[in-house]
Amino acid sequence: MVLSSLIDMSKYEIPFLTACIQAFGRRFAMTRQAAFQYLHKYKGIAFLIEFYDVEHLQSLDETVDDLLLICQKNGGTLA
């Protein structure tokens, strides 16, 4: 699902995803690769793609808060 969604993304969505992954990684002292893997595993990337229209209007801090909640809901253990 994620790969097919990435193909249909606008030119603005990929930089948004990148910024969110970097912000998530900074908050939890993770590399970008580790942050991406965590977000992918616990459905954070899919959430960002599905709800881009709402999430990109928020601050990065609010988006990272949302990602944390989504990942926890899907089995993630960061707090």
PDB file of N, CA and C in Angstrom:
ATOM      1  N   MET A   1       0.814  -1.184   0.000  1.00  0.00           N
ATOM      2  CA  MET A   1       0.000   0.000   0.000  1.00  0.00           C
ATOM      3  C   MET A   1       0.862   1.254   0.000  1.00  0.00           C
ATOM      4  N   VAL A   2       1.877   1.314   0.830  1.00  0.00           N
ATOM      5  CA  VAL A   2       2.690   2.520   0.936  1.00  0.00           C
ATOM      6  C   VAL A   2       3.365   2.835  -0.392  1.00  0.00           C
ATOM      7  N   LEU A   3       3.933   1.841  -1.074  1.00  0.00           N
ATOM      8  CA  LEU A   3       4.632   2.091  -2.330  1.00  0.00           C
ATOM      9  C   LEU A   3       3.687   2.653  -3.382  1.00  0.00           C
ATOM     10  N   SER A   4       2.513   2.074  -3.540  1.00  0.00           N
ATOM     11  CA  SER A   4       1.576   2.586  -4.538  1.00  0.00           C
ATOM     12  C   SER A   4       1.096   3.980  -4.163  1.00  0.00           C
ATOM     13  N   SER A   5       0.992   4.280  -2.872  1.00  0.00           N
ATOM     14  CA  SER A   5       0.596   5.617  -2.440  1.00  0.00           C
ATOM     15  C   SER A   5       1.681   6.633  -2.741  1.00  0.00           C
ATOM     16  N   LEU A   6       2.942   6.234  -2.613  1.00  0.00           N
ATOM     17  CA  LEU A   6       4.051   7.143  -2.883  1.00  0.00           C
ATOM     18  C   LEU A   6       4.081   7.558  -4.350  1.00  0.00           C
ATOM     19  N   ILE A   7       3.709   6.668  -5.231  1.00  0.00           N
ATOM     20  CA  ILE A   7       3.717   6.965  -6.658  1.00  0.00           C
ATOM     21  C   ILE A   7       2.720   8.069  -6.990  1.00  0.00           C
ATOM     22  N   ASP A   8       1.607   8.124  -6.302  1.00  0.00           N
ATOM     23  CA  ASP A   8       0.550   9.089  -6.572  1.00  0.00           C
ATOM     24  C   ASP A   8       0.695  10.399  -5.797  1.00  0.00           C
ATOM     25  N   MET A   9       1.790  10.585  -5.085  1.00  0.00           N
ATOM     26  CA  MET A   9       1.948  11.760  -4.242  1.00  0.00           C
ATOM     27  C   MET A   9       2.262  13.015  -5.050  1.00  0.00           C
ATOM     28  N   SER A  10       1.830  14.142  -4.517  1.00  0.00           N
ATOM     29  CA  SER A  10       2.150  15.422  -5.149  1.00  0.00           C
ATOM     30  C   SER A  10       3.592  15.798  -4.822  1.00  0.00           C
ATOM     31  N   LYS A  11       4.091  16.798  -5.507  1.00  0.00           N
ATOM     32  CA  LYS A  11       5.471  17.223  -5.284  1.00  0.00           C
ATOM     33  C   LYS A  11       5.660  17.833  -3.892  1.00  0.00           C
ATOM     34  N   TYR A  12       4.588  18.143  -3.193  1.00  0.00           N
ATOM     35  CA  TYR A  12       4.672  18.711  -1.855  1.00  0.00           C
ATOM     36  C   TYR A  12       4.646  17.652  -0.756  1.00  0.00           C
ATOM     37  N   GLU A  13       4.096  16.505  -1.050  1.00  0.00           N
ATOM     38  CA  GLU A  13       3.929  15.483  -0.022  1.00  0.00           C
ATOM     39  C   GLU A  13       5.242  14.808   0.370  1.00  0.00           C
ATOM     40  N   ILE A  14       6.123  14.582  -0.582  1.00  0.00           N
ATOM     41  CA  ILE A  14       7.380  13.903  -0.253  1.00  0.00           C
ATOM     42  C   ILE A  14       8.248  14.767   0.664  1.00  0.00           C
ATOM     43  N   PRO A  15       8.410  16.071   0.393  1.00  0.00           N
ATOM     44  CA  PRO A  15       9.163  16.890   1.352  1.00  0.00           C
ATOM     45  C   PRO A  15       8.501  16.930   2.740  1.00  0.00           C
ATOM     46  N   PHE A  16       7.167  16.901   2.756  1.00  0.00           N
ATOM     47  CA  PHE A  16       6.451  16.866   4.028  1.00  0.00           C
ATOM     48  C   PHE A  16       6.770  15.581   4.787  1.00  0.00           C
ATOM     49  N   LEU A  17       6.709  14.447   4.101  1.00  0.00           N
ATOM     50  CA  LEU A  17       7.046  13.171   4.737  1.00  0.00           C
ATOM     51  C   LEU A  17       8.469  13.186   5.275  1.00  0.00           C
ATOM     52  N   THR A  18       9.387  13.697   4.471  1.00  0.00           N
ATOM     53  CA  THR A  18      10.785  13.762   4.888  1.00  0.00           C
ATOM     54  C   THR A  18      10.942  14.609   6.147  1.00  0.00           C
ATOM     55  N   ALA A  19      10.287  15.765   6.168  1.00  0.00           N
ATOM     56  CA  ALA A  19      10.366  16.644   7.337  1.00  0.00           C
ATOM     57  C   ALA A  19       9.778  15.967   8.574  1.00  0.00           C
ATOM     58  N   CYS A  20       8.686  15.248   8.409  1.00  0.00           N
ATOM     59  CA  CYS A  20       8.057  14.557   9.542  1.00  0.00           C
ATOM     60  C   CYS A  20       8.947  13.446  10.080  1.00  0.00           C
ATOM     61  N   ILE A  21       9.560  12.688   9.190  1.00  0.00           N
ATOM     62  CA  ILE A  21      10.464  11.614   9.606  1.00  0.00           C
ATOM     63  C   ILE A  21      11.652  12.196  10.357  1.00  0.00           C
ATOM     64  N   GLN A  22      12.213  13.286   9.841  1.00  0.00           N
ATOM     65  CA  GLN A  22      13.349  13.924  10.518  1.00  0.00           C
ATOM     66  C   GLN A  22      12.948  14.463  11.883  1.00  0.00           C
ATOM     67  N   ALA A  23      11.793  15.111  11.981  1.00  0.00           N
ATOM     68  CA  ALA A  23      11.325  15.654  13.256  1.00  0.00           C
ATOM     69  C   ALA A  23      11.061  14.540  14.266  1.00  0.00           C
ATOM     70  N   PHE A  24      10.478  13.451  13.805  1.00  0.00           N
ATOM     71  CA  PHE A  24      10.224  12.302  14.680  1.00  0.00           C
ATOM     72  C   PHE A  24      11.550  11.741  15.185  1.00  0.00           C
ATOM     73  N   GLY A  25      12.502  11.592  14.285  1.00  0.00           N
ATOM     74  CA  GLY A  25      13.815  11.085  14.661  1.00  0.00           C
ATOM     75  C   GLY A  25      14.513  11.981  15.666  1.00  0.00           C
ATOM     76  N   ARG A  26      14.439  13.290  15.454  1.00  0.00           N
ATOM     77  CA  ARG A  26      15.062  14.230  16.398  1.00  0.00           C
ATOM     78  C   ARG A  26      14.445  14.110  17.783  1.00  0.00           C
ATOM     79  N   ARG A  27      13.121  14.028  17.835  1.00  0.00           N
ATOM     80  CA  ARG A  27      12.460  13.965  19.144  1.00  0.00           C
ATOM     81  C   ARG A  27      12.876  12.723  19.923  1.00  0.00           C
ATOM     82  N   PHE A  28      13.064  11.619  19.222  1.00  0.00           N
ATOM     83  CA  PHE A  28      13.364  10.359  19.908  1.00  0.00           C
ATOM     84  C   PHE A  28      14.810   9.905  19.717  1.00  0.00           C
ATOM     85  N   ALA A  29      15.677  10.827  19.310  1.00  0.00           N
ATOM     86  CA  ALA A  29      17.115  10.560  19.149  1.00  0.00           C
ATOM     87  C   ALA A  29      17.367   9.324  18.279  1.00  0.00           C
ATOM     88  N   MET A  30      16.707   9.301  17.140  1.00  0.00           N
ATOM     89  CA  MET A  30      16.835   8.194  16.192  1.00  0.00           C
ATOM     90  C   MET A  30      17.446   8.723  14.901  1.00  0.00           C
ATOM     91  N   THR A  31      18.128   7.866  14.178  1.00  0.00           N
ATOM     92  CA  THR A  31      18.575   8.237  12.843  1.00  0.00           C
ATOM     93  C   THR A  31      17.342   8.338  11.945  1.00  0.00           C
ATOM     94  N   ARG A  32      17.505   8.978  10.793  1.00  0.00           N
ATOM     95  CA  ARG A  32      16.377   9.059   9.856  1.00  0.00           C
ATOM     96  C   ARG A  32      15.939   7.669   9.416  1.00  0.00           C
ATOM     97  N   GLN A  33      16.916   6.799   9.198  1.00  0.00           N
ATOM     98  CA  GLN A  33      16.582   5.443   8.768  1.00  0.00           C
ATOM     99  C   GLN A  33      15.793   4.709   9.852  1.00  0.00           C
ATOM    100  N   ALA A  34      16.236   4.823  11.098  1.00  0.00           N
ATOM    101  CA  ALA A  34      15.532   4.159  12.200  1.00  0.00           C
ATOM    102  C   ALA A  34      14.133   4.747  12.382  1.00  0.00           C
ATOM    103  N   ALA A  35      14.018   6.068  12.253  1.00  0.00           N
ATOM    104  CA  ALA A  35      12.709   6.709  12.382  1.00  0.00           C
ATOM    105  C   ALA A  35      11.775   6.232  11.270  1.00  0.00           C
ATOM    106  N   PHE A  36      12.286   6.172  10.032  1.00  0.00           N
ATOM    107  CA  PHE A  36      11.467   5.684   8.926  1.00  0.00           C
ATOM    108  C   PHE A  36      11.010   4.252   9.178  1.00  0.00           C
ATOM    109  N   GLN A  37      11.934   3.395   9.583  1.00  0.00           N
ATOM    110  CA  GLN A  37      11.581   1.985   9.815  1.00  0.00           C
ATOM    111  C   GLN A  37      10.521   1.855  10.903  1.00  0.00           C
ATOM    112  N   TYR A  38      10.673   2.619  11.989  1.00  0.00           N
ATOM    113  CA  TYR A  38       9.695   2.584  13.074  1.00  0.00           C
ATOM    114  C   TYR A  38       8.325   3.070  12.568  1.00  0.00           C
ATOM    115  N   LEU A  39       8.325   4.215  11.883  1.00  0.00           N
ATOM    116  CA  LEU A  39       7.068   4.776  11.385  1.00  0.00           C
ATOM    117  C   LEU A  39       6.407   3.859  10.362  1.00  0.00           C
ATOM    118  N   HIS A  40       7.203   3.216   9.551  1.00  0.00           N
ATOM    119  CA  HIS A  40       6.642   2.277   8.576  1.00  0.00           C
ATOM    120  C   HIS A  40       6.050   1.057   9.292  1.00  0.00           C
ATOM    121  N   LYS A  41       6.789   0.500  10.217  1.00  0.00           N
ATOM    122  CA  LYS A  41       6.345  -0.708  10.931  1.00  0.00           C
ATOM    123  C   LYS A  41       5.038  -0.479  11.696  1.00  0.00           C
ATOM    124  N   TYR A  42       4.920   0.703  12.319  1.00  0.00           N
ATOM    125  CA  TYR A  42       3.753   0.962  13.162  1.00  0.00           C
ATOM    126  C   TYR A  42       2.732   1.897  12.507  1.00  0.00           C
ATOM    127  N   LYS A  43       2.748   1.923  11.174  1.00  0.00           N
ATOM    128  CA  LYS A  43       1.713   2.573  10.359  1.00  0.00           C
ATOM    129  C   LYS A  43       1.718   4.100  10.387  1.00  0.00           C
ATOM    130  N   GLY A  44       2.795   4.711  10.841  1.00  0.00           N
ATOM    131  CA  GLY A  44       2.877   6.172  10.845  1.00  0.00           C
ATOM    132  C   GLY A  44       2.989   6.753   9.446  1.00  0.00           C
ATOM    133  N   ILE A  45       3.769   6.118   8.589  1.00  0.00           N
ATOM    134  CA  ILE A  45       3.919   6.601   7.212  1.00  0.00           C
ATOM    135  C   ILE A  45       2.575   6.510   6.484  1.00  0.00           C
ATOM    136  N   ALA A  46       1.895   5.404   6.625  1.00  0.00           N
ATOM    137  CA  ALA A  46       0.580   5.238   5.990  1.00  0.00           C
ATOM    138  C   ALA A  46      -0.395   6.308   6.492  1.00  0.00           C
ATOM    139  N   PHE A  47      -0.321   6.613   7.784  1.00  0.00           N
ATOM    140  CA  PHE A  47      -1.168   7.662   8.366  1.00  0.00           C
ATOM    141  C   PHE A  47      -0.870   9.015   7.724  1.00  0.00           C
ATOM    142  N   LEU A  48       0.418   9.356   7.584  1.00  0.00           N
ATOM    143  CA  LEU A  48       0.789  10.633   6.983  1.00  0.00           C
ATOM    144  C   LEU A  48       0.303  10.740   5.540  1.00  0.00           C
ATOM    145  N   ILE A  49       0.397   9.649   4.813  1.00  0.00           N
ATOM    146  CA  ILE A  49      -0.052   9.654   3.423  1.00  0.00           C
ATOM    147  C   ILE A  49      -1.568   9.802   3.350  1.00  0.00           C
ATOM    148  N   GLU A  50      -2.265   9.039   4.154  1.00  0.00           N
ATOM    149  CA  GLU A  50      -3.729   9.073   4.115  1.00  0.00           C
ATOM    150  C   GLU A  50      -4.306  10.412   4.573  1.00  0.00           C
ATOM    151  N   PHE A  51      -3.677  11.001   5.583  1.00  0.00           N
ATOM    152  CA  PHE A  51      -4.226  12.226   6.168  1.00  0.00           C
ATOM    153  C   PHE A  51      -3.358  13.459   5.896  1.00  0.00           C
ATOM    154  N   TYR A  52      -2.638  13.421   4.799  1.00  0.00           N
ATOM    155  CA  TYR A  52      -1.791  14.556   4.414  1.00  0.00           C
ATOM    156  C   TYR A  52      -2.579  15.859   4.395  1.00  0.00           C
ATOM    157  N   ASP A  53      -3.786  15.819   3.861  1.00  0.00           N
ATOM    158  CA  ASP A  53      -4.585  17.036   3.712  1.00  0.00           C
ATOM    159  C   ASP A  53      -4.837  17.751   5.037  1.00  0.00           C
ATOM    160  N   VAL A  54      -4.883  17.018   6.134  1.00  0.00           N
ATOM    161  CA  VAL A  54      -5.081  17.613   7.456  1.00  0.00           C
ATOM    162  C   VAL A  54      -3.735  17.846   8.148  1.00  0.00           C
ATOM    163  N   GLU A  55      -2.876  16.848   8.122  1.00  0.00           N
ATOM    164  CA  GLU A  55      -1.629  16.898   8.877  1.00  0.00           C
ATOM    165  C   GLU A  55      -0.680  18.002   8.411  1.00  0.00           C
ATOM    166  N   HIS A  56      -0.646  18.302   7.118  1.00  0.00           N
ATOM    167  CA  HIS A  56       0.309  19.307   6.654  1.00  0.00           C
ATOM    168  C   HIS A  56      -0.070  20.719   7.078  1.00  0.00           C
ATOM    169  N   LEU A  57      -1.262  20.888   7.606  1.00  0.00           N
ATOM    170  CA  LEU A  57      -1.699  22.200   8.096  1.00  0.00           C
ATOM    171  C   LEU A  57      -1.298  22.443   9.547  1.00  0.00           C
ATOM    172  N   GLN A  58      -0.838  21.419  10.218  1.00  0.00           N
ATOM    173  CA  GLN A  58      -0.425  21.523  11.618  1.00  0.00           C
ATOM    174  C   GLN A  58       1.072  21.809  11.720  1.00  0.00           C
ATOM    175  N   SER A  59       1.510  22.132  12.924  1.00  0.00           N
ATOM    176  CA  SER A  59       2.943  22.278  13.155  1.00  0.00           C
ATOM    177  C   SER A  59       3.591  20.892  13.134  1.00  0.00           C
ATOM    178  N   LEU A  60       4.893  20.862  12.917  1.00  0.00           N
ATOM    179  CA  LEU A  60       5.593  19.571  12.945  1.00  0.00           C
ATOM    180  C   LEU A  60       5.489  18.922  14.316  1.00  0.00           C
ATOM    181  N   ASP A  61       5.519  19.726  15.383  1.00  0.00           N
ATOM    182  CA  ASP A  61       5.392  19.154  16.728  1.00  0.00           C
ATOM    183  C   ASP A  61       4.047  18.454  16.906  1.00  0.00           C
ATOM    184  N   GLU A  62       2.988  19.065  16.414  1.00  0.00           N
ATOM    185  CA  GLU A  62       1.666  18.434  16.514  1.00  0.00           C
ATOM    186  C   GLU A  62       1.601  17.164  15.667  1.00  0.00           C
ATOM    187  N   THR A  63       2.220  17.206  14.500  1.00  0.00           N
ATOM    188  CA  THR A  63       2.229  16.027  13.636  1.00  0.00           C
ATOM    189  C   THR A  63       3.013  14.895  14.281  1.00  0.00           C
ATOM    190  N   VAL A  64       4.141  15.207  14.919  1.00  0.00           N
ATOM    191  CA  VAL A  64       4.914  14.180  15.614  1.00  0.00           C
ATOM    192  C   VAL A  64       4.098  13.609  16.774  1.00  0.00           C
ATOM    193  N   ASP A  65       3.368  14.456  17.481  1.00  0.00           N
ATOM    194  CA  ASP A  65       2.480  13.962  18.546  1.00  0.00           C
ATOM    195  C   ASP A  65       1.456  12.977  17.979  1.00  0.00           C
ATOM    196  N   ASP A  66       0.859  13.330  16.834  1.00  0.00           N
ATOM    197  CA  ASP A  66      -0.113  12.440  16.191  1.00  0.00           C
ATOM    198  C   ASP A  66       0.545  11.124  15.777  1.00  0.00           C
ATOM    199  N   LEU A  67       1.748  11.218  15.219  1.00  0.00           N
ATOM    200  CA  LEU A  67       2.464  10.001  14.809  1.00  0.00           C
ATOM    201  C   LEU A  67       2.729   9.098  16.001  1.00  0.00           C
ATOM    202  N   LEU A  68       3.121   9.682  17.110  1.00  0.00           N
ATOM    203  CA  LEU A  68       3.381   8.895  18.315  1.00  0.00           C
ATOM    204  C   LEU A  68       2.125   8.140  18.744  1.00  0.00           C
ATOM    205  N   LEU A  69       0.989   8.824  18.732  1.00  0.00           N
ATOM    206  CA  LEU A  69      -0.271   8.175  19.119  1.00  0.00           C
ATOM    207  C   LEU A  69      -0.651   7.051  18.164  1.00  0.00           C
ATOM    208  N   ILE A  70      -0.506   7.287  16.866  1.00  0.00           N
ATOM    209  CA  ILE A  70      -0.839   6.264  15.868  1.00  0.00           C
ATOM    210  C   ILE A  70       0.063   5.053  16.038  1.00  0.00           C
ATOM    211  N   CYS A  71       1.357   5.305  16.214  1.00  0.00           N
ATOM    212  CA  CYS A  71       2.297   4.193  16.364  1.00  0.00           C
ATOM    213  C   CYS A  71       2.027   3.405  17.643  1.00  0.00           C
ATOM    214  N   GLN A  72       1.734   4.102  18.727  1.00  0.00           N
ATOM    215  CA  GLN A  72       1.410   3.412  19.980  1.00  0.00           C
ATOM    216  C   GLN A  72       0.155   2.559  19.803  1.00  0.00           C
ATOM    217  N   LYS A  73      -0.816   3.100  19.105  1.00  0.00           N
ATOM    218  CA  LYS A  73      -2.058   2.370  18.847  1.00  0.00           C
ATOM    219  C   LYS A  73      -1.810   1.091  18.041  1.00  0.00           C
ATOM    220  N   ASN A  74      -0.737   1.100  17.231  1.00  0.00           N
ATOM    221  CA  ASN A  74      -0.397  -0.046  16.400  1.00  0.00           C
ATOM    222  C   ASN A  74       0.752  -0.882  16.953  1.00  0.00           C
ATOM    223  N   GLY A  75       1.027  -0.742  18.252  1.00  0.00           N
ATOM    224  CA  GLY A  75       2.011  -1.594  18.900  1.00  0.00           C
ATOM    225  C   GLY A  75       3.369  -0.973  19.179  1.00  0.00           C
ATOM    226  N   GLY A  76       3.570   0.279  18.783  1.00  0.00           N
ATOM    227  CA  GLY A  76       4.833   0.956  19.055  1.00  0.00           C
ATOM    228  C   GLY A  76       5.000   1.220  20.539  1.00  0.00           C
ATOM    229  N   THR A  77       6.242   1.282  20.987  1.00  0.00           N
ATOM    230  CA  THR A  77       6.480   1.421  22.429  1.00  0.00           C
ATOM    231  C   THR A  77       7.196   2.703  22.830  1.00  0.00           C
ATOM    232  N   LEU A  78       7.443   3.618  21.907  1.00  0.00           N
ATOM    233  CA  LEU A  78       8.055   4.883  22.282  1.00  0.00           C
ATOM    234  C   LEU A  78       7.077   5.705  23.088  1.00  0.00           C
ATOM    235  N   ALA A  79       7.605   6.530  23.985  1.00  0.00           N
ATOM    236  CA  ALA A  79       6.731   7.400  24.792  1.00  0.00           C
ATOM    237  C   ALA A  79       7.370   8.751  24.991  1.00  0.00           C
TER     238      ALA A  79
END
